[in-house]
Structures are given as C-alpha cells and as structure tokens.
Amino acid sequence: MKENVEYEKRALLIEAAKKEFKEKGYNKASLRSICAKAGVTTGALYFFFENKAELFSAIVDQPIKGLKKLLMEHFQEDREYMQHLDSMENMEMDHSDLSDMLVEYIYSNYDSLMLLLTSAENTVYENCIDELVTLTENSMPIMLSGLKGYTYDEYMSHWMSHITVDAFLNVIKHETDMEQAKLKLRKIMNYLIEGWVELVMVSLNK
C-alpha cells in the first residue's frame, strides 16, 4: 500500500512538472509551484528528486535515449541492407515504415519530447537536437561502408542531416494529430531519401 501511495505521488509530481515546464520553461519553473499543482509537500518532492534538474531528467531522459536507440538500430539495418545491394538503382526508396515508426514513438512520448524542443535551455539536454543531427550525419559513412563503389559528400551529408531533423521537428511542433503527422512525414521522408541518394551518395565510378 505504501509503495502505491509513493508511486502515485511521484506520478502526480511528474505530470505537474510537465505542465510547469511547458508553461514557464526550465529556468522559470518553480518547484514550489509544481508541488502545489501536484498537491504534495516540497518534502515529498525531495524524497523522489534531488533538484529541478533531476526532475526534468526524469521526464525527458528515457524518451530521448529511446529515440536515439531507434535511429541507431535503423542505421545498422540500412548498413546490413546495403551490403547486399548490387547497385543503387535497386535501392528501396520507400521509407514510409521508418517514418511511421518514428512518428509513433514521438507521439507516444509527445509531452516529454516537446519539452526538449521548447524548455531545455540551461539543462544538459539543450543540445539534444544537434546531437540528433550528428547521429544522423555520422551514420552515413557507416552505412556506405557496406556498399562498394560509393563514398559520401561530407558537406552535403551535414546539410541533409539538418534538413531531415528540422523537417520532423517542424511537423511535430505544429501537428498534434499523429495520423496527420504520419501522412505528412511519409511524403517528406521519401522526398528526403531521394535527396540523400542524389546529393550525398557519390559514385566512385563517375
């Protein structure tokens, strides 16, 4: 019974903190206000969280790590797929499944990930978007290592990585309906895949 009560208090604090961070941002968010919204004492908050940074981390850390894990798994799958390609002409261009998977994950963690986009200033997560760009960019030489006869354009890879991440961010910031986001991002993703092939993947035989 005691464990259930403690679990409920922690859950109330998390939900109250999400609202507080969303309304005021990380810097102006008040632990006292969060406790008031949750209906618990400040002592209860400090029982679960050492400080505001730890409370924020409890909301956003696992969702962003999970997103990075999904991306890394996809890049590894692409590397293995490219090892068996005879030529780029036979490459599967439809990445709708990948787009849908990312959208479903993002919207299942929507509140937490939106806090990273809007309220992470002056936290250890303030560069998380740049980290996603770097993760995407660094995947290119790894993926192409399994495809004979091709290298990559480093500048274009950096540029396309930014565009790809920014495209997802733009849609999820302005579209609250997951199914509508899927429809939009399928088209965007498949358009961008053609851009990756055209601009980034360089044939050594040219």
N, C-alpha and C. Protein backbone atom coordinates (compact mmCIF):
# COMPACT_ATOMS: atom_id res chain seq x y z
N MET A 1 0.83 -1.21 0.00
CA MET A 1 0.00 0.00 0.00
C MET A 1 0.86 1.26 0.00
N LYS A 2 1.92 1.27 0.85
CA LYS A 2 2.80 2.44 0.91
C LYS A 2 3.49 2.68 -0.41
N GLU A 3 3.90 1.59 -1.07
CA GLU A 3 4.56 1.72 -2.36
C GLU A 3 3.61 2.33 -3.39
N ASN A 4 2.34 1.95 -3.35
CA ASN A 4 1.35 2.51 -4.28
C ASN A 4 1.16 3.99 -4.06
N VAL A 5 1.12 4.41 -2.80
CA VAL A 5 0.96 5.83 -2.48
C VAL A 5 2.15 6.62 -2.99
N GLU A 6 3.35 6.08 -2.77
CA GLU A 6 4.55 6.76 -3.23
C GLU A 6 4.59 6.84 -4.76
N TYR A 7 4.18 5.78 -5.42
CA TYR A 7 4.13 5.77 -6.87
C TYR A 7 3.17 6.84 -7.38
N GLU A 8 2.01 6.94 -6.73
CA GLU A 8 1.01 7.94 -7.13
C GLU A 8 1.54 9.36 -6.93
N LYS A 9 2.23 9.59 -5.82
CA LYS A 9 2.79 10.92 -5.57
C LYS A 9 3.83 11.28 -6.63
N ARG A 10 4.67 10.33 -6.95
CA ARG A 10 5.70 10.58 -7.97
C ARG A 10 5.06 10.87 -9.33
N ALA A 11 4.02 10.11 -9.67
CA ALA A 11 3.32 10.32 -10.94
C ALA A 11 2.66 11.70 -10.98
N LEU A 12 2.09 12.12 -9.85
CA LEU A 12 1.47 13.45 -9.77
C LEU A 12 2.51 14.55 -9.96
N LEU A 13 3.67 14.35 -9.36
CA LEU A 13 4.75 15.33 -9.50
C LEU A 13 5.24 15.42 -10.94
N ILE A 14 5.36 14.28 -11.58
CA ILE A 14 5.81 14.26 -12.98
C ILE A 14 4.82 15.02 -13.86
N GLU A 15 3.54 14.75 -13.70
CA GLU A 15 2.53 15.42 -14.53
C GLU A 15 2.48 16.92 -14.25
N ALA A 16 2.59 17.27 -12.98
CA ALA A 16 2.59 18.69 -12.63
C ALA A 16 3.83 19.38 -13.18
N ALA A 17 4.95 18.69 -13.13
CA ALA A 17 6.20 19.26 -13.65
C ALA A 17 6.13 19.46 -15.15
N LYS A 18 5.53 18.53 -15.87
CA LYS A 18 5.37 18.70 -17.32
C LYS A 18 4.62 19.98 -17.63
N LYS A 19 3.54 20.23 -16.90
CA LYS A 19 2.75 21.44 -17.12
C LYS A 19 3.55 22.69 -16.77
N GLU A 20 4.25 22.64 -15.65
CA GLU A 20 5.02 23.80 -15.20
C GLU A 20 6.15 24.13 -16.19
N PHE A 21 6.89 23.12 -16.62
CA PHE A 21 7.97 23.35 -17.58
C PHE A 21 7.43 23.84 -18.92
N LYS A 22 6.29 23.31 -19.33
CA LYS A 22 5.68 23.74 -20.58
C LYS A 22 5.24 25.19 -20.52
N GLU A 23 4.66 25.59 -19.39
CA GLU A 23 4.15 26.95 -19.23
C GLU A 23 5.25 27.98 -19.04
N LYS A 24 6.29 27.63 -18.28
CA LYS A 24 7.27 28.62 -17.85
C LYS A 24 8.69 28.38 -18.37
N GLY A 25 8.93 27.21 -18.95
CA GLY A 25 10.30 26.88 -19.33
C GLY A 25 11.07 26.40 -18.11
N TYR A 26 12.24 25.83 -18.37
CA TYR A 26 13.02 25.25 -17.28
C TYR A 26 13.47 26.30 -16.27
N ASN A 27 13.99 27.42 -16.75
CA ASN A 27 14.58 28.42 -15.86
C ASN A 27 13.57 29.00 -14.88
N LYS A 28 12.38 29.30 -15.36
CA LYS A 28 11.37 29.97 -14.53
C LYS A 28 10.45 28.99 -13.79
N ALA A 29 10.58 27.72 -14.09
CA ALA A 29 9.73 26.74 -13.40
C ALA A 29 10.05 26.72 -11.91
N SER A 30 9.01 26.62 -11.10
CA SER A 30 9.16 26.65 -9.64
C SER A 30 8.81 25.30 -9.03
N LEU A 31 9.70 24.79 -8.22
CA LEU A 31 9.42 23.52 -7.54
C LEU A 31 8.25 23.67 -6.58
N ARG A 32 8.15 24.84 -5.95
CA ARG A 32 7.03 25.08 -5.04
C ARG A 32 5.70 25.05 -5.79
N SER A 33 5.71 25.65 -6.99
CA SER A 33 4.50 25.65 -7.83
C SER A 33 4.16 24.24 -8.29
N ILE A 34 5.17 23.46 -8.64
CA ILE A 34 4.95 22.08 -9.06
C ILE A 34 4.32 21.27 -7.93
N CYS A 35 4.82 21.46 -6.72
CA CYS A 35 4.26 20.75 -5.56
C CYS A 35 2.81 21.14 -5.33
N ALA A 36 2.52 22.43 -5.49
CA ALA A 36 1.15 22.89 -5.29
C ALA A 36 0.22 22.26 -6.32
N LYS A 37 0.68 22.20 -7.57
CA LYS A 37 -0.15 21.60 -8.62
C LYS A 37 -0.35 20.11 -8.38
N ALA A 38 0.66 19.46 -7.84
CA ALA A 38 0.57 18.03 -7.58
C ALA A 38 -0.17 17.71 -6.29
N GLY A 39 -0.33 18.72 -5.43
CA GLY A 39 -1.00 18.50 -4.16
C GLY A 39 -0.14 17.75 -3.16
N VAL A 40 1.18 17.97 -3.23
CA VAL A 40 2.09 17.30 -2.30
C VAL A 40 3.00 18.35 -1.67
N THR A 41 3.70 17.98 -0.62
CA THR A 41 4.61 18.89 0.04
C THR A 41 5.96 18.93 -0.68
N THR A 42 6.75 19.97 -0.43
CA THR A 42 8.09 20.05 -1.02
C THR A 42 8.96 18.91 -0.50
N GLY A 43 8.68 18.47 0.73
CA GLY A 43 9.42 17.34 1.29
C GLY A 43 9.20 16.08 0.47
N ALA A 44 7.97 15.91 -0.02
CA ALA A 44 7.67 14.75 -0.85
C ALA A 44 8.44 14.81 -2.16
N LEU A 45 8.55 16.02 -2.72
CA LEU A 45 9.31 16.17 -3.97
C LEU A 45 10.76 15.77 -3.77
N TYR A 46 11.37 16.28 -2.68
CA TYR A 46 12.78 15.99 -2.44
C TYR A 46 13.03 14.54 -2.03
N PHE A 47 11.97 13.84 -1.67
CA PHE A 47 12.10 12.42 -1.40
C PHE A 47 12.38 11.66 -2.71
N PHE A 48 11.79 12.16 -3.81
CA PHE A 48 11.95 11.50 -5.11
C PHE A 48 13.05 12.10 -5.98
N PHE A 49 13.23 13.42 -5.89
CA PHE A 49 14.15 14.12 -6.78
C PHE A 49 15.06 15.05 -6.00
N GLU A 50 16.34 15.01 -6.33
CA GLU A 50 17.31 15.82 -5.61
C GLU A 50 17.14 17.30 -5.89
N ASN A 51 16.78 17.64 -7.12
CA ASN A 51 16.65 19.04 -7.51
C ASN A 51 15.81 19.15 -8.79
N LYS A 52 15.70 20.36 -9.30
CA LYS A 52 14.89 20.58 -10.50
C LYS A 52 15.49 19.87 -11.71
N ALA A 53 16.81 19.84 -11.80
CA ALA A 53 17.46 19.18 -12.93
C ALA A 53 17.12 17.69 -12.97
N GLU A 54 17.11 17.07 -11.81
CA GLU A 54 16.80 15.64 -11.75
C GLU A 54 15.34 15.38 -12.09
N LEU A 55 14.47 16.29 -11.70
CA LEU A 55 13.04 16.17 -12.03
C LEU A 55 12.85 16.29 -13.54
N PHE A 56 13.51 17.26 -14.15
CA PHE A 56 13.42 17.43 -15.60
C PHE A 56 13.95 16.20 -16.32
N SER A 57 15.05 15.68 -15.83
CA SER A 57 15.65 14.50 -16.42
C SER A 57 14.72 13.29 -16.35
N ALA A 58 13.98 13.19 -15.25
CA ALA A 58 13.05 12.07 -15.08
C ALA A 58 11.97 12.08 -16.15
N ILE A 59 11.70 13.26 -16.69
CA ILE A 59 10.67 13.40 -17.72
C ILE A 59 11.21 13.14 -19.11
N VAL A 60 12.41 13.63 -19.40
CA VAL A 60 12.88 13.65 -20.79
C VAL A 60 13.99 12.63 -21.12
N ASP A 61 14.68 12.11 -20.12
CA ASP A 61 15.88 11.33 -20.40
C ASP A 61 15.57 10.04 -21.17
N GLN A 62 14.66 9.23 -20.69
CA GLN A 62 14.37 7.97 -21.35
C GLN A 62 13.77 8.16 -22.74
N PRO A 63 12.84 9.12 -22.94
CA PRO A 63 12.31 9.33 -24.29
C PRO A 63 13.37 9.70 -25.32
N ILE A 64 14.32 10.58 -24.98
CA ILE A 64 15.33 10.96 -25.97
C ILE A 64 16.32 9.82 -26.19
N LYS A 65 16.64 9.07 -25.14
CA LYS A 65 17.52 7.91 -25.32
C LYS A 65 16.84 6.86 -26.20
N GLY A 66 15.55 6.69 -26.00
CA GLY A 66 14.81 5.72 -26.82
C GLY A 66 14.78 6.12 -28.28
N LEU A 67 14.63 7.42 -28.54
CA LEU A 67 14.62 7.91 -29.92
C LEU A 67 15.97 7.68 -30.58
N LYS A 68 17.04 7.97 -29.87
CA LYS A 68 18.38 7.74 -30.41
C LYS A 68 18.60 6.25 -30.68
N LYS A 69 18.11 5.40 -29.81
CA LYS A 69 18.26 3.95 -29.98
C LYS A 69 17.55 3.48 -31.25
N LEU A 70 16.34 4.00 -31.49
CA LEU A 70 15.60 3.64 -32.69
C LEU A 70 16.38 4.03 -33.94
N LEU A 71 16.94 5.24 -33.93
CA LEU A 71 17.70 5.72 -35.08
C LEU A 71 18.94 4.86 -35.32
N MET A 72 19.65 4.55 -34.25
CA MET A 72 20.87 3.74 -34.39
C MET A 72 20.54 2.35 -34.92
N GLU A 73 19.44 1.77 -34.46
CA GLU A 73 19.04 0.46 -34.95
C GLU A 73 18.69 0.51 -36.43
N HIS A 74 18.02 1.61 -36.84
CA HIS A 74 17.68 1.76 -38.25
C HIS A 74 18.94 1.89 -39.10
N PHE A 75 19.89 2.69 -38.66
CA PHE A 75 21.11 2.89 -39.43
C PHE A 75 21.89 1.57 -39.56
N GLN A 76 21.87 0.77 -38.52
CA GLN A 76 22.53 -0.54 -38.58
C GLN A 76 21.81 -1.45 -39.58
N GLU A 77 20.48 -1.40 -39.60
CA GLU A 77 19.71 -2.19 -40.56
C GLU A 77 20.02 -1.74 -41.98
N ASP A 78 20.14 -0.42 -42.18
CA ASP A 78 20.46 0.09 -43.51
C ASP A 78 21.86 -0.36 -43.95
N ARG A 79 22.79 -0.38 -43.01
CA ARG A 79 24.14 -0.85 -43.35
C ARG A 79 24.11 -2.29 -43.82
N GLU A 80 23.39 -3.13 -43.09
CA GLU A 80 23.29 -4.55 -43.46
C GLU A 80 22.57 -4.71 -44.79
N TYR A 81 21.55 -3.88 -45.01
CA TYR A 81 20.80 -3.93 -46.27
C TYR A 81 21.70 -3.55 -47.44
N MET A 82 22.51 -2.52 -47.27
CA MET A 82 23.37 -2.04 -48.36
C MET A 82 24.48 -3.03 -48.70
N GLN A 83 24.84 -3.86 -47.74
CA GLN A 83 25.87 -4.86 -48.01
C GLN A 83 25.43 -5.87 -49.07
N HIS A 84 24.13 -5.98 -49.27
CA HIS A 84 23.61 -6.95 -50.22
C HIS A 84 23.07 -6.29 -51.49
N LEU A 85 23.29 -4.98 -51.63
CA LEU A 85 22.83 -4.27 -52.83
C LEU A 85 23.82 -4.46 -53.96
N ASP A 86 23.31 -4.74 -55.16
CA ASP A 86 24.16 -4.83 -56.33
C ASP A 86 24.49 -3.44 -56.87
N SER A 87 23.50 -2.54 -56.79
CA SER A 87 23.70 -1.17 -57.26
C SER A 87 22.67 -0.27 -56.61
N MET A 88 22.92 1.03 -56.66
CA MET A 88 22.00 2.00 -56.07
C MET A 88 20.65 2.01 -56.80
N GLU A 89 20.66 1.57 -58.06
CA GLU A 89 19.42 1.54 -58.83
C GLU A 89 18.40 0.57 -58.22
N ASN A 90 18.89 -0.39 -57.46
CA ASN A 90 18.00 -1.39 -56.85
C ASN A 90 17.64 -1.04 -55.40
N MET A 91 18.04 0.12 -54.94
CA MET A 91 17.78 0.51 -53.56
C MET A 91 16.30 0.80 -53.33
N GLU A 92 15.77 0.31 -52.22
CA GLU A 92 14.39 0.58 -51.84
C GLU A 92 14.27 2.03 -51.38
N MET A 93 13.46 2.81 -52.06
CA MET A 93 13.35 4.25 -51.78
C MET A 93 12.21 4.59 -50.82
N ASP A 94 11.25 3.67 -50.68
CA ASP A 94 10.09 3.95 -49.83
C ASP A 94 10.46 3.69 -48.36
N HIS A 95 10.54 4.77 -47.59
CA HIS A 95 10.86 4.68 -46.16
C HIS A 95 9.66 5.05 -45.30
N SER A 96 8.47 4.78 -45.80
CA SER A 96 7.25 5.11 -45.04
C SER A 96 7.19 4.37 -43.71
N ASP A 97 7.65 3.12 -43.69
CA ASP A 97 7.62 2.35 -42.45
C ASP A 97 8.50 2.99 -41.38
N LEU A 98 9.68 3.45 -41.80
CA LEU A 98 10.57 4.13 -40.86
C LEU A 98 9.93 5.41 -40.35
N SER A 99 9.36 6.17 -41.26
CA SER A 99 8.71 7.42 -40.87
C SER A 99 7.59 7.16 -39.87
N ASP A 100 6.75 6.17 -40.15
CA ASP A 100 5.64 5.84 -39.25
C ASP A 100 6.15 5.41 -37.88
N MET A 101 7.21 4.60 -37.87
CA MET A 101 7.77 4.12 -36.60
C MET A 101 8.25 5.29 -35.75
N LEU A 102 8.96 6.23 -36.37
CA LEU A 102 9.46 7.39 -35.63
C LEU A 102 8.31 8.26 -35.14
N VAL A 103 7.30 8.46 -35.99
CA VAL A 103 6.15 9.28 -35.58
C VAL A 103 5.43 8.63 -34.40
N GLU A 104 5.20 7.33 -34.46
CA GLU A 104 4.51 6.65 -33.37
C GLU A 104 5.29 6.77 -32.06
N TYR A 105 6.60 6.64 -32.16
CA TYR A 105 7.41 6.77 -30.94
C TYR A 105 7.34 8.20 -30.41
N ILE A 106 7.50 9.16 -31.29
CA ILE A 106 7.48 10.57 -30.88
C ILE A 106 6.16 10.94 -30.22
N TYR A 107 5.06 10.51 -30.82
CA TYR A 107 3.75 10.90 -30.28
C TYR A 107 3.38 10.10 -29.03
N SER A 108 3.98 8.95 -28.85
CA SER A 108 3.75 8.21 -27.59
C SER A 108 4.54 8.85 -26.45
N ASN A 109 5.50 9.70 -26.79
CA ASN A 109 6.28 10.43 -25.78
C ASN A 109 6.21 11.93 -26.06
N TYR A 110 5.07 12.37 -26.57
CA TYR A 110 4.95 13.72 -27.13
C TYR A 110 5.27 14.82 -26.13
N ASP A 111 4.66 14.77 -24.95
CA ASP A 111 4.87 15.84 -23.96
C ASP A 111 6.34 15.96 -23.57
N SER A 112 6.97 14.82 -23.34
CA SER A 112 8.36 14.83 -22.91
C SER A 112 9.28 15.37 -24.00
N LEU A 113 9.08 14.90 -25.24
CA LEU A 113 9.94 15.34 -26.32
C LEU A 113 9.70 16.80 -26.69
N MET A 114 8.47 17.26 -26.54
CA MET A 114 8.20 18.68 -26.79
C MET A 114 8.91 19.57 -25.78
N LEU A 115 9.05 19.09 -24.56
CA LEU A 115 9.79 19.86 -23.55
C LEU A 115 11.25 20.01 -23.98
N LEU A 116 11.80 18.99 -24.61
CA LEU A 116 13.18 19.07 -25.08
C LEU A 116 13.32 20.14 -26.17
N LEU A 117 12.26 20.32 -26.95
CA LEU A 117 12.31 21.30 -28.04
C LEU A 117 12.07 22.72 -27.55
N THR A 118 11.34 22.85 -26.46
CA THR A 118 10.90 24.19 -26.05
C THR A 118 11.44 24.66 -24.70
N SER A 119 11.88 23.75 -23.86
CA SER A 119 12.17 24.13 -22.47
C SER A 119 13.48 23.59 -21.93
N ALA A 120 14.40 23.20 -22.80
CA ALA A 120 15.62 22.55 -22.33
C ALA A 120 16.80 23.49 -22.17
N GLU A 121 16.58 24.78 -22.37
CA GLU A 121 17.69 25.73 -22.24
C GLU A 121 18.27 25.70 -20.83
N ASN A 122 19.60 25.72 -20.76
CA ASN A 122 20.33 25.67 -19.49
C ASN A 122 20.18 24.33 -18.76
N THR A 123 19.91 23.29 -19.53
CA THR A 123 19.92 21.93 -18.98
C THR A 123 20.96 21.13 -19.78
N VAL A 124 21.26 19.93 -19.31
CA VAL A 124 22.22 19.09 -20.03
C VAL A 124 21.64 18.60 -21.36
N TYR A 125 20.36 18.89 -21.61
CA TYR A 125 19.71 18.43 -22.83
C TYR A 125 19.57 19.54 -23.88
N GLU A 126 20.13 20.71 -23.62
CA GLU A 126 19.88 21.83 -24.51
C GLU A 126 20.45 21.64 -25.92
N ASN A 127 21.40 20.72 -26.07
CA ASN A 127 21.97 20.46 -27.39
C ASN A 127 21.47 19.16 -28.00
N CYS A 128 20.33 18.66 -27.52
CA CYS A 128 19.87 17.34 -27.96
C CYS A 128 19.53 17.31 -29.45
N ILE A 129 19.06 18.43 -30.01
CA ILE A 129 18.73 18.46 -31.43
C ILE A 129 20.01 18.36 -32.26
N ASP A 130 21.03 19.10 -31.85
CA ASP A 130 22.33 18.99 -32.54
C ASP A 130 22.88 17.57 -32.45
N GLU A 131 22.62 16.91 -31.33
CA GLU A 131 23.09 15.54 -31.16
C GLU A 131 22.37 14.59 -32.12
N LEU A 132 21.08 14.84 -32.39
CA LEU A 132 20.35 14.03 -33.36
C LEU A 132 20.90 14.25 -34.77
N VAL A 133 21.24 15.50 -35.07
CA VAL A 133 21.83 15.81 -36.38
C VAL A 133 23.16 15.08 -36.52
N THR A 134 24.00 15.15 -35.50
CA THR A 134 25.31 14.50 -35.54
C THR A 134 25.16 12.98 -35.66
N LEU A 135 24.20 12.42 -34.94
CA LEU A 135 23.95 10.98 -35.01
C LEU A 135 23.58 10.58 -36.44
N THR A 136 22.71 11.37 -37.06
CA THR A 136 22.29 11.10 -38.44
C THR A 136 23.46 11.25 -39.40
N GLU A 137 24.21 12.32 -39.23
CA GLU A 137 25.35 12.59 -40.10
C GLU A 137 26.41 11.50 -39.99
N ASN A 138 26.71 11.07 -38.79
CA ASN A 138 27.76 10.07 -38.58
C ASN A 138 27.37 8.69 -39.09
N SER A 139 26.08 8.50 -39.33
CA SER A 139 25.62 7.20 -39.82
C SER A 139 25.99 6.98 -41.28
N MET A 140 26.19 8.08 -42.03
CA MET A 140 26.38 7.93 -43.47
C MET A 140 27.63 7.12 -43.84
N PRO A 141 28.82 7.45 -43.34
CA PRO A 141 29.98 6.62 -43.71
C PRO A 141 29.86 5.18 -43.24
N ILE A 142 29.16 4.96 -42.13
CA ILE A 142 28.96 3.60 -41.62
C ILE A 142 28.06 2.81 -42.57
N MET A 143 26.96 3.45 -43.02
CA MET A 143 26.05 2.77 -43.93
C MET A 143 26.71 2.47 -45.26
N LEU A 144 27.47 3.44 -45.78
CA LEU A 144 28.09 3.27 -47.09
C LEU A 144 29.29 2.33 -47.06
N SER A 145 29.77 2.02 -45.86
CA SER A 145 30.90 1.10 -45.77
C SER A 145 30.55 -0.29 -46.30
N GLY A 146 29.27 -0.57 -46.35
CA GLY A 146 28.84 -1.87 -46.86
C GLY A 146 28.47 -1.84 -48.33
N LEU A 147 28.60 -0.68 -48.98
CA LEU A 147 28.21 -0.53 -50.38
C LEU A 147 29.44 -0.22 -51.22
N LYS A 148 29.87 -1.16 -52.02
CA LYS A 148 31.08 -0.98 -52.82
C LYS A 148 30.85 0.03 -53.94
N GLY A 149 31.89 0.85 -54.17
CA GLY A 149 31.83 1.78 -55.30
C GLY A 149 31.25 3.13 -54.97
N TYR A 150 30.97 3.38 -53.66
CA TYR A 150 30.38 4.66 -53.28
C TYR A 150 31.11 5.25 -52.08
N THR A 151 31.18 6.56 -52.06
CA THR A 151 31.61 7.29 -50.88
C THR A 151 30.53 8.33 -50.60
N TYR A 152 30.83 9.33 -49.77
CA TYR A 152 29.79 10.31 -49.48
C TYR A 152 30.38 11.72 -49.49
N ASP A 153 29.50 12.66 -49.78
CA ASP A 153 29.86 14.08 -49.77
C ASP A 153 29.66 14.59 -48.35
N GLU A 154 30.74 14.91 -47.66
CA GLU A 154 30.68 15.28 -46.25
C GLU A 154 29.82 16.53 -46.01
N TYR A 155 30.01 17.54 -46.85
CA TYR A 155 29.23 18.76 -46.67
C TYR A 155 27.75 18.50 -46.88
N MET A 156 27.40 17.81 -47.97
CA MET A 156 26.01 17.52 -48.26
C MET A 156 25.38 16.63 -47.19
N SER A 157 26.18 15.73 -46.63
CA SER A 157 25.69 14.86 -45.56
C SER A 157 25.29 15.69 -44.35
N HIS A 158 26.14 16.65 -44.00
CA HIS A 158 25.84 17.54 -42.87
C HIS A 158 24.58 18.36 -43.16
N TRP A 159 24.48 18.87 -44.36
CA TRP A 159 23.35 19.71 -44.75
C TRP A 159 22.04 18.91 -44.74
N MET A 160 22.06 17.72 -45.32
CA MET A 160 20.87 16.88 -45.38
C MET A 160 20.47 16.37 -44.00
N SER A 161 21.44 16.16 -43.13
CA SER A 161 21.12 15.73 -41.75
C SER A 161 20.31 16.81 -41.05
N HIS A 162 20.73 18.06 -41.20
CA HIS A 162 19.99 19.17 -40.61
C HIS A 162 18.58 19.25 -41.19
N ILE A 163 18.48 19.16 -42.50
CA ILE A 163 17.17 19.28 -43.14
C ILE A 163 16.23 18.17 -42.68
N THR A 164 16.74 16.95 -42.57
CA THR A 164 15.91 15.82 -42.17
C THR A 164 15.38 15.99 -40.75
N VAL A 165 16.26 16.33 -39.82
CA VAL A 165 15.83 16.53 -38.43
C VAL A 165 14.88 17.72 -38.34
N ASP A 166 15.20 18.81 -39.03
CA ASP A 166 14.34 20.00 -38.99
C ASP A 166 12.95 19.73 -39.57
N ALA A 167 12.88 18.88 -40.59
CA ALA A 167 11.58 18.55 -41.19
C ALA A 167 10.68 17.85 -40.17
N PHE A 168 11.23 16.89 -39.44
CA PHE A 168 10.45 16.20 -38.42
C PHE A 168 10.03 17.17 -37.31
N LEU A 169 10.96 18.01 -36.88
CA LEU A 169 10.65 18.95 -35.80
C LEU A 169 9.54 19.90 -36.20
N ASN A 170 9.59 20.37 -37.43
CA ASN A 170 8.58 21.32 -37.89
C ASN A 170 7.19 20.72 -37.88
N VAL A 171 7.09 19.48 -38.33
CA VAL A 171 5.77 18.83 -38.37
C VAL A 171 5.26 18.56 -36.96
N ILE A 172 6.08 17.99 -36.09
CA ILE A 172 5.57 17.61 -34.78
C ILE A 172 5.27 18.83 -33.91
N LYS A 173 5.93 19.94 -34.18
CA LYS A 173 5.63 21.15 -33.43
C LYS A 173 4.26 21.72 -33.77
N HIS A 174 3.83 21.51 -35.00
CA HIS A 174 2.61 22.16 -35.48
C HIS A 174 1.44 21.20 -35.71
N GLU A 175 1.70 19.90 -35.63
CA GLU A 175 0.64 18.92 -35.87
C GLU A 175 0.46 18.04 -34.64
N THR A 176 -0.66 18.21 -33.96
CA THR A 176 -0.91 17.44 -32.74
C THR A 176 -1.55 16.08 -33.00
N ASP A 177 -2.08 15.90 -34.22
CA ASP A 177 -2.72 14.63 -34.56
C ASP A 177 -1.70 13.68 -35.18
N MET A 178 -1.52 12.52 -34.57
CA MET A 178 -0.50 11.59 -35.01
C MET A 178 -0.74 11.09 -36.43
N GLU A 179 -1.97 10.77 -36.77
CA GLU A 179 -2.24 10.23 -38.10
C GLU A 179 -1.97 11.26 -39.19
N GLN A 180 -2.29 12.52 -38.91
CA GLN A 180 -1.98 13.57 -39.87
C GLN A 180 -0.48 13.77 -40.01
N ALA A 181 0.22 13.65 -38.89
CA ALA A 181 1.68 13.75 -38.93
C ALA A 181 2.27 12.62 -39.76
N LYS A 182 1.72 11.43 -39.63
CA LYS A 182 2.19 10.30 -40.44
C LYS A 182 2.05 10.59 -41.93
N LEU A 183 0.87 11.07 -42.32
CA LEU A 183 0.61 11.35 -43.73
C LEU A 183 1.61 12.37 -44.29
N LYS A 184 1.86 13.41 -43.51
CA LYS A 184 2.77 14.46 -43.96
C LYS A 184 4.22 13.98 -44.02
N LEU A 185 4.62 13.26 -42.99
CA LEU A 185 6.02 12.88 -42.89
C LEU A 185 6.40 11.71 -43.80
N ARG A 186 5.43 10.89 -44.20
CA ARG A 186 5.73 9.87 -45.20
C ARG A 186 6.20 10.54 -46.50
N LYS A 187 5.46 11.55 -46.92
CA LYS A 187 5.82 12.26 -48.15
C LYS A 187 7.16 12.97 -48.00
N ILE A 188 7.33 13.63 -46.87
CA ILE A 188 8.58 14.36 -46.64
C ILE A 188 9.76 13.42 -46.58
N MET A 189 9.61 12.31 -45.85
CA MET A 189 10.70 11.36 -45.70
C MET A 189 11.13 10.79 -47.04
N ASN A 190 10.18 10.37 -47.85
CA ASN A 190 10.52 9.76 -49.13
C ASN A 190 11.13 10.78 -50.10
N TYR A 191 10.70 12.01 -50.00
CA TYR A 191 11.32 13.08 -50.78
C TYR A 191 12.77 13.28 -50.34
N LEU A 192 12.99 13.28 -49.03
CA LEU A 192 14.34 13.47 -48.49
C LEU A 192 15.26 12.31 -48.82
N ILE A 193 14.73 11.09 -48.84
CA ILE A 193 15.56 9.93 -49.18
C ILE A 193 16.13 10.10 -50.59
N GLU A 194 15.31 10.60 -51.51
CA GLU A 194 15.80 10.85 -52.86
C GLU A 194 16.91 11.90 -52.83
N GLY A 195 16.76 12.89 -51.94
CA GLY A 195 17.79 13.91 -51.79
C GLY A 195 19.09 13.33 -51.26
N TRP A 196 18.98 12.41 -50.30
CA TRP A 196 20.18 11.76 -49.75
C TRP A 196 20.93 11.02 -50.86
N VAL A 197 20.17 10.28 -51.66
CA VAL A 197 20.80 9.49 -52.73
C VAL A 197 21.43 10.40 -53.77
N GLU A 198 20.71 11.45 -54.13
CA GLU A 198 21.18 12.35 -55.20
C GLU A 198 22.36 13.22 -54.77
N LEU A 199 22.31 13.73 -53.54
CA LEU A 199 23.28 14.73 -53.11
C LEU A 199 24.42 14.18 -52.26
N VAL A 200 24.18 13.11 -51.54
CA VAL A 200 25.16 12.66 -50.55
C VAL A 200 25.95 11.45 -51.01
N MET A 201 25.29 10.48 -51.62
CA MET A 201 25.96 9.24 -52.03
C MET A 201 26.66 9.46 -53.37
N VAL A 202 27.97 9.37 -53.35
CA VAL A 202 28.79 9.71 -54.51
C VAL A 202 29.42 8.45 -55.10
N SER A 203 29.13 8.19 -56.38
CA SER A 203 29.71 7.04 -57.04
C SER A 203 31.18 7.28 -57.35
N LEU A 204 32.02 6.31 -57.06
CA LEU A 204 33.45 6.43 -57.33
C LEU A 204 33.75 6.17 -58.80
N ASN A 205 32.74 5.74 -59.55
CA ASN A 205 32.96 5.42 -60.96
C ASN A 205 32.69 6.60 -61.89
N LYS A 206 32.23 7.71 -61.31
CA LYS A 206 31.94 8.89 -62.15
C LYS A 206 33.24 9.57 -62.56
